[in-house]
N, C-alpha and C. Protein backbone atom coordinates (compact mmCIF):
# COMPACT_ATOMS: atom_id res chain seq x y z
N UNK A 1 0.85 -1.19 0.00
CA UNK A 1 0.00 0.00 0.00
C UNK A 1 0.88 1.24 0.00
N UNK A 2 0.49 2.19 -0.79
CA UNK A 2 1.23 3.44 -0.90
C UNK A 2 1.08 4.26 0.38
N UNK A 3 2.13 4.92 0.80
CA UNK A 3 2.10 5.71 2.03
C UNK A 3 1.70 7.15 1.71
N UNK A 4 0.49 7.30 1.17
CA UNK A 4 0.00 8.62 0.76
C UNK A 4 -1.37 8.85 1.38
N UNK A 5 -1.61 10.07 1.86
CA UNK A 5 -2.90 10.38 2.46
C UNK A 5 -3.96 10.59 1.39
N UNK A 6 -5.18 10.56 1.81
CA UNK A 6 -6.34 10.72 0.96
C UNK A 6 -6.44 12.13 0.39
N UNK A 7 -7.01 12.23 -0.82
CA UNK A 7 -7.33 13.52 -1.39
C UNK A 7 -8.72 13.91 -0.91
N UNK A 8 -8.88 15.14 -0.44
CA UNK A 8 -10.16 15.63 0.05
C UNK A 8 -10.64 16.72 -0.89
N UNK A 9 -11.86 16.57 -1.40
CA UNK A 9 -12.46 17.58 -2.26
C UNK A 9 -13.42 18.43 -1.44
N UNK A 10 -13.29 19.74 -1.56
CA UNK A 10 -14.15 20.66 -0.82
C UNK A 10 -14.99 21.44 -1.82
N UNK A 11 -16.31 21.26 -1.71
CA UNK A 11 -17.24 21.99 -2.56
C UNK A 11 -17.74 23.18 -1.76
N UNK A 12 -17.41 24.36 -2.22
CA UNK A 12 -17.76 25.56 -1.48
C UNK A 12 -16.58 25.96 -0.61
N UNK A 13 -15.76 26.83 -1.09
CA UNK A 13 -14.52 27.18 -0.40
C UNK A 13 -14.61 28.54 0.26
N UNK A 14 -15.70 28.77 0.95
CA UNK A 14 -15.88 30.02 1.69
C UNK A 14 -15.18 29.95 3.04
N UNK A 15 -15.77 30.57 4.04
CA UNK A 15 -15.15 30.62 5.37
C UNK A 15 -14.91 29.24 5.96
N UNK A 16 -15.92 28.39 5.96
CA UNK A 16 -15.80 27.07 6.58
C UNK A 16 -14.94 26.14 5.72
N UNK A 17 -15.29 26.01 4.43
CA UNK A 17 -14.55 25.12 3.55
C UNK A 17 -13.10 25.53 3.38
N UNK A 18 -12.84 26.82 3.29
CA UNK A 18 -11.47 27.32 3.14
C UNK A 18 -10.64 27.05 4.38
N UNK A 19 -11.23 27.26 5.55
CA UNK A 19 -10.51 27.01 6.80
C UNK A 19 -10.21 25.54 6.97
N UNK A 20 -11.20 24.69 6.73
CA UNK A 20 -10.97 23.25 6.85
C UNK A 20 -9.91 22.79 5.85
N UNK A 21 -9.99 23.29 4.62
CA UNK A 21 -9.01 22.90 3.60
C UNK A 21 -7.59 23.27 3.98
N UNK A 22 -7.40 24.46 4.53
CA UNK A 22 -6.05 24.88 4.95
C UNK A 22 -5.54 23.99 6.07
N UNK A 23 -6.40 23.66 7.01
CA UNK A 23 -5.99 22.80 8.13
C UNK A 23 -5.65 21.39 7.65
N UNK A 24 -6.48 20.85 6.78
CA UNK A 24 -6.20 19.50 6.25
C UNK A 24 -4.94 19.50 5.39
N UNK A 25 -4.72 20.55 4.62
CA UNK A 25 -3.51 20.64 3.80
C UNK A 25 -2.26 20.68 4.69
N UNK A 26 -2.32 21.44 5.78
CA UNK A 26 -1.19 21.47 6.72
C UNK A 26 -0.93 20.11 7.34
N UNK A 27 -2.01 19.31 7.48
CA UNK A 27 -1.88 17.97 8.05
C UNK A 27 -1.35 16.97 7.02
N UNK A 28 -1.18 17.42 5.77
CA UNK A 28 -0.57 16.57 4.75
C UNK A 28 -1.52 16.00 3.73
N UNK A 29 -2.81 16.30 3.84
CA UNK A 29 -3.77 15.79 2.87
C UNK A 29 -3.70 16.61 1.59
N UNK A 30 -4.01 15.96 0.47
CA UNK A 30 -4.14 16.66 -0.80
C UNK A 30 -5.55 17.23 -0.86
N UNK A 31 -5.66 18.52 -1.20
CA UNK A 31 -6.95 19.20 -1.18
C UNK A 31 -7.32 19.68 -2.57
N UNK A 32 -8.57 19.47 -2.93
CA UNK A 32 -9.14 19.99 -4.17
C UNK A 32 -10.24 20.96 -3.80
N UNK A 33 -10.03 22.25 -4.07
CA UNK A 33 -11.03 23.27 -3.77
C UNK A 33 -11.92 23.48 -4.99
N UNK A 34 -13.21 23.69 -4.74
CA UNK A 34 -14.16 24.01 -5.79
C UNK A 34 -15.00 25.19 -5.32
N UNK A 35 -15.37 26.04 -6.26
CA UNK A 35 -16.14 27.23 -5.91
C UNK A 35 -16.92 27.72 -7.11
N UNK A 36 -18.03 28.40 -6.85
CA UNK A 36 -18.78 29.04 -7.94
C UNK A 36 -17.99 30.21 -8.51
N UNK A 37 -17.04 30.73 -7.74
CA UNK A 37 -16.24 31.88 -8.15
C UNK A 37 -14.75 31.54 -8.03
N UNK A 38 -14.23 30.70 -8.92
CA UNK A 38 -12.84 30.27 -8.80
C UNK A 38 -11.82 31.40 -8.86
N UNK A 39 -12.19 32.51 -9.49
CA UNK A 39 -11.27 33.65 -9.56
C UNK A 39 -11.01 34.26 -8.18
N UNK A 40 -11.86 33.97 -7.22
CA UNK A 40 -11.70 34.50 -5.86
C UNK A 40 -10.89 33.57 -4.95
N UNK A 41 -10.40 32.47 -5.50
CA UNK A 41 -9.67 31.49 -4.69
C UNK A 41 -8.17 31.73 -4.63
N UNK A 42 -7.66 32.74 -5.29
CA UNK A 42 -6.20 32.93 -5.36
C UNK A 42 -5.57 33.08 -3.97
N UNK A 43 -6.20 33.81 -3.07
CA UNK A 43 -5.65 33.96 -1.72
C UNK A 43 -5.66 32.64 -0.97
N UNK A 44 -6.71 31.86 -1.15
CA UNK A 44 -6.80 30.55 -0.50
C UNK A 44 -5.75 29.60 -1.05
N UNK A 45 -5.55 29.62 -2.34
CA UNK A 45 -4.56 28.76 -2.97
C UNK A 45 -3.15 29.08 -2.47
N UNK A 46 -2.87 30.37 -2.26
CA UNK A 46 -1.56 30.77 -1.75
C UNK A 46 -1.38 30.38 -0.28
N UNK A 47 -2.47 30.38 0.49
CA UNK A 47 -2.40 30.09 1.93
C UNK A 47 -2.32 28.60 2.23
N UNK A 48 -2.83 27.77 1.34
CA UNK A 48 -2.82 26.32 1.56
C UNK A 48 -1.83 25.68 0.58
N UNK A 49 -1.05 24.72 1.03
CA UNK A 49 -0.11 24.04 0.13
C UNK A 49 -0.85 23.11 -0.82
N UNK A 50 -1.34 23.66 -1.90
CA UNK A 50 -2.13 22.90 -2.87
C UNK A 50 -1.19 22.03 -3.71
N UNK A 51 -1.59 20.77 -3.89
CA UNK A 51 -0.79 19.84 -4.66
C UNK A 51 -1.25 19.76 -6.12
N UNK A 52 -2.51 20.10 -6.38
CA UNK A 52 -3.03 20.03 -7.74
C UNK A 52 -3.90 21.24 -8.00
N UNK A 53 -3.91 21.66 -9.24
CA UNK A 53 -4.81 22.74 -9.65
C UNK A 53 -5.57 22.26 -10.89
N UNK A 54 -6.85 22.51 -10.91
CA UNK A 54 -7.70 22.14 -12.03
C UNK A 54 -8.35 23.40 -12.58
N UNK A 55 -8.55 23.45 -13.90
CA UNK A 55 -9.19 24.64 -14.47
C UNK A 55 -10.62 24.80 -14.02
């Protein structure tokens, strides 16, 4: 078995989703953020160590 943590997808990256995503990312999980307004996620992407980015 690979020694890699689960990828967590967050639908709705506002106050709650963004905070949880940053905490899970710091814990080593791979995070996928989704939002109705992806152009507003740049600050969140910089604050969390994102491993993947999707258009």
